[in-house]
Amino acid sequence: MGFTIILSLVMMAGLFLLLYSGVGLIQDEKFFSSAPKEVRETVKPKKERFPGAHVLGWKLAVIAFLLMASPVALGALDGIQNGFSFGQFFVRFLIMLLLLKAFDIGFFDWVLLCNKGLGFFPHFYPEVEPVLGRYLFGYNKKTHLAHILAIPVISAALAWICTLF
């Protein structure tokens, strides 16, 4: 269980690094596609923060994807080496993905977006500060619900693949 939690924390770090690289360095509108309409309409295109910021951002985004994918691979390898059953793999992946989703909802949406936590978004886009607030919480509840409903299916698929080895 402890290893599963550590793997989940690495995935969370990867997700945060992806947010930072997209919002702070790459500054592409694609990274705001899941933001509330009020935020998307307020964000103004920015110049590159410093020479090479976009390239650095894309490199960090690749590292972020690896930080999110490698715990799944490590969790699978560890389970294979320890003779996990389908149920054990399923629970491991279910915990990892649900914790990642809880981090997304609790930290990204509630702390950073709805409570202006740490001044993250206003630091990079000061124009969004007036539109951020608690009223935004739940703006993407259908998307979150769809993800939560998909997590057991994805966990089962990953568990099944792992049991083939």
Protein backbone atom coordinates (compact mmCIF):
# COMPACT_ATOMS: atom_id res chain seq x y z
CA MET A 1 0.00 0.00 0.00
CA GLY A 2 2.82 2.40 0.85
CA PHE A 3 4.44 1.87 -2.54
CA THR A 4 1.10 2.57 -4.22
CA ILE A 5 0.80 5.86 -2.35
CA ILE A 6 4.35 6.85 -3.36
CA LEU A 7 3.54 6.04 -6.99
CA SER A 8 0.40 8.20 -6.69
CA LEU A 9 2.44 11.11 -5.32
CA VAL A 10 4.82 10.87 -8.28
CA MET A 11 1.83 10.99 -10.64
CA MET A 12 0.55 14.08 -8.81
CA ALA A 13 3.95 15.75 -9.18
CA GLY A 14 3.82 14.99 -12.89
CA LEU A 15 0.34 16.48 -13.22
CA PHE A 16 1.44 19.65 -11.43
CA LEU A 17 4.56 19.89 -13.59
CA LEU A 18 2.35 19.57 -16.67
CA LEU A 19 0.15 22.41 -15.42
CA TYR A 20 3.18 24.59 -14.68
CA SER A 21 4.83 23.90 -18.03
CA GLY A 22 1.62 24.56 -19.95
CA VAL A 23 0.39 27.63 -18.08
CA GLY A 24 3.71 29.20 -17.10
CA LEU A 25 6.06 28.41 -19.96
CA ILE A 26 4.34 27.09 -23.09
CA GLN A 27 1.39 29.48 -22.74
CA ASP A 28 -0.66 27.75 -25.39
CA GLU A 29 -4.45 28.20 -25.37
CA LYS A 30 -4.81 24.38 -25.55
CA PHE A 31 -3.78 24.22 -21.91
CA PHE A 32 -6.79 26.36 -20.99
CA SER A 33 -9.31 24.22 -22.84
CA SER A 34 -10.55 22.67 -19.58
CA ALA A 35 -10.63 26.00 -17.72
CA PRO A 36 -13.95 27.73 -17.00
CA LYS A 37 -15.36 29.88 -19.79
CA GLU A 38 -14.79 33.03 -17.69
CA VAL A 39 -11.07 32.25 -17.43
CA ARG A 40 -10.68 31.32 -21.12
CA GLU A 41 -12.34 34.56 -22.18
CA THR A 42 -10.14 36.64 -19.86
CA VAL A 43 -6.74 35.18 -20.74
CA LYS A 44 -4.82 37.33 -23.17
CA PRO A 45 -2.07 35.93 -25.41
CA LYS A 46 1.37 36.48 -23.90
CA LYS A 47 4.81 36.85 -25.34
CA GLU A 48 7.39 34.26 -24.44
CA ARG A 49 8.41 34.96 -20.82
CA PHE A 50 12.11 34.63 -21.61
CA PRO A 51 14.08 33.31 -24.58
CA GLY A 52 13.63 29.56 -24.71
CA ALA A 53 10.64 29.45 -22.31
CA HIS A 54 8.44 27.60 -24.79
CA VAL A 55 11.15 25.01 -25.52
CA LEU A 56 11.79 24.54 -21.80
CA GLY A 57 8.05 24.19 -21.24
CA TRP A 58 7.72 21.45 -23.85
CA LYS A 59 10.71 19.61 -22.38
CA LEU A 60 9.14 19.83 -18.93
CA ALA A 61 5.83 18.63 -20.38
CA VAL A 62 7.55 15.50 -21.70
CA ILE A 63 9.11 14.92 -18.28
CA ALA A 64 5.66 15.44 -16.73
CA PHE A 65 4.14 12.78 -18.98
CA LEU A 66 6.93 10.40 -18.00
CA LEU A 67 6.32 11.19 -14.33
CA MET A 68 2.68 10.29 -14.83
CA ALA A 69 3.24 7.14 -16.90
CA SER A 70 6.25 5.63 -15.14
CA PRO A 71 4.42 4.97 -11.84
CA VAL A 72 1.90 2.86 -13.76
CA ALA A 73 4.76 0.87 -15.30
CA LEU A 74 6.59 0.58 -11.97
CA GLY A 75 3.39 -0.46 -10.22
CA ALA A 76 2.83 -3.11 -12.86
CA LEU A 77 6.41 -4.43 -12.67
CA ASP A 78 6.31 -4.52 -8.88
CA GLY A 79 3.03 -6.40 -8.95
CA ILE A 80 4.30 -8.90 -11.52
CA GLN A 81 7.43 -9.54 -9.47
CA ASN A 82 5.34 -10.02 -6.33
CA GLY A 83 2.79 -12.29 -7.98
CA PHE A 84 -0.20 -9.94 -7.70
CA SER A 85 -3.61 -11.28 -8.55
CA PHE A 86 -6.05 -9.45 -10.80
CA GLY A 87 -7.73 -8.00 -7.70
CA GLN A 88 -4.49 -6.70 -6.25
CA PHE A 89 -3.54 -5.02 -9.52
CA PHE A 90 -7.05 -3.61 -9.84
CA VAL A 91 -6.98 -2.11 -6.35
CA ARG A 92 -3.48 -0.66 -6.91
CA PHE A 93 -4.45 1.07 -10.15
CA LEU A 94 -7.83 2.13 -8.77
CA ILE A 95 -6.16 3.80 -5.77
CA MET A 96 -3.53 5.49 -7.92
CA LEU A 97 -6.02 6.91 -10.42
CA LEU A 98 -8.60 7.95 -7.81
CA LEU A 99 -5.92 9.75 -5.79
CA LEU A 100 -4.76 11.52 -8.94
CA LYS A 101 -8.35 12.59 -9.68
CA ALA A 102 -8.82 13.74 -6.06
CA PHE A 103 -5.63 15.81 -6.42
CA ASP A 104 -6.99 17.32 -9.63
CA ILE A 105 -10.32 18.25 -8.04
CA GLY A 106 -9.03 19.22 -4.60
CA PHE A 107 -5.84 21.03 -5.46
CA PHE A 108 -6.21 22.29 -9.02
CA ASP A 109 -9.88 23.18 -8.96
CA TRP A 110 -10.51 24.07 -5.32
CA VAL A 111 -7.17 25.54 -4.16
CA LEU A 112 -5.64 27.03 -7.30
CA LEU A 113 -8.74 28.02 -9.24
CA CYS A 114 -11.55 28.63 -6.78
CA ASN A 115 -9.55 30.01 -3.85
CA LYS A 116 -6.78 31.78 -5.77
CA GLY A 117 -4.44 29.55 -3.79
CA LEU A 118 -0.80 30.46 -3.96
CA GLY A 119 -1.63 33.09 -6.59
CA PHE A 120 -0.70 30.51 -9.22
CA PHE A 121 -2.87 31.57 -12.15
CA PRO A 122 -2.78 35.33 -11.35
CA HIS A 123 1.04 35.14 -11.23
CA PHE A 124 1.14 34.15 -14.89
CA TYR A 125 -2.08 35.86 -15.99
CA PRO A 126 -2.93 38.78 -13.67
CA GLU A 127 -6.02 39.54 -15.73
CA VAL A 128 -7.76 36.37 -14.46
CA GLU A 129 -7.69 37.31 -10.77
CA PRO A 130 -11.07 39.10 -10.80
CA VAL A 131 -12.86 36.10 -12.33
CA LEU A 132 -11.41 33.45 -10.01
CA GLY A 133 -13.57 32.48 -7.08
CA ARG A 134 -15.41 29.75 -5.21
CA TYR A 135 -18.40 30.06 -7.51
CA LEU A 136 -16.33 28.25 -10.17
CA PHE A 137 -16.10 25.02 -8.17
CA GLY A 138 -17.96 22.30 -9.98
CA TYR A 139 -17.92 24.04 -13.37
CA ASN A 140 -16.56 20.81 -14.87
CA LYS A 141 -18.44 18.28 -12.74
CA LYS A 142 -19.66 16.29 -15.76
CA THR A 143 -16.09 15.82 -16.98
CA HIS A 144 -14.91 14.82 -13.52
CA LEU A 145 -17.79 12.37 -13.16
CA ALA A 146 -16.99 10.83 -16.54
CA HIS A 147 -13.35 10.42 -15.48
CA ILE A 148 -14.34 8.88 -12.14
CA LEU A 149 -16.67 6.43 -13.89
CA ALA A 150 -13.90 5.51 -16.36
CA ILE A 151 -11.29 4.87 -13.65
CA PRO A 152 -12.59 1.41 -12.62
CA VAL A 153 -12.72 0.37 -16.28
CA ILE A 154 -9.18 1.60 -16.92
CA SER A 155 -7.99 -0.04 -13.70
CA ALA A 156 -9.55 -3.33 -14.73
CA ALA A 157 -7.98 -3.14 -18.18
CA LEU A 158 -4.55 -2.41 -16.70
CA ALA A 159 -4.97 -5.21 -14.16
CA TRP A 160 -5.97 -7.64 -16.89
CA ILE A 161 -2.94 -6.69 -19.01
CA CYS A 162 -0.66 -7.16 -16.00
CA THR A 163 -2.05 -10.61 -15.27
CA LEU A 164 -1.05 -11.72 -18.79
CA PHE A 165 2.60 -11.53 -17.76
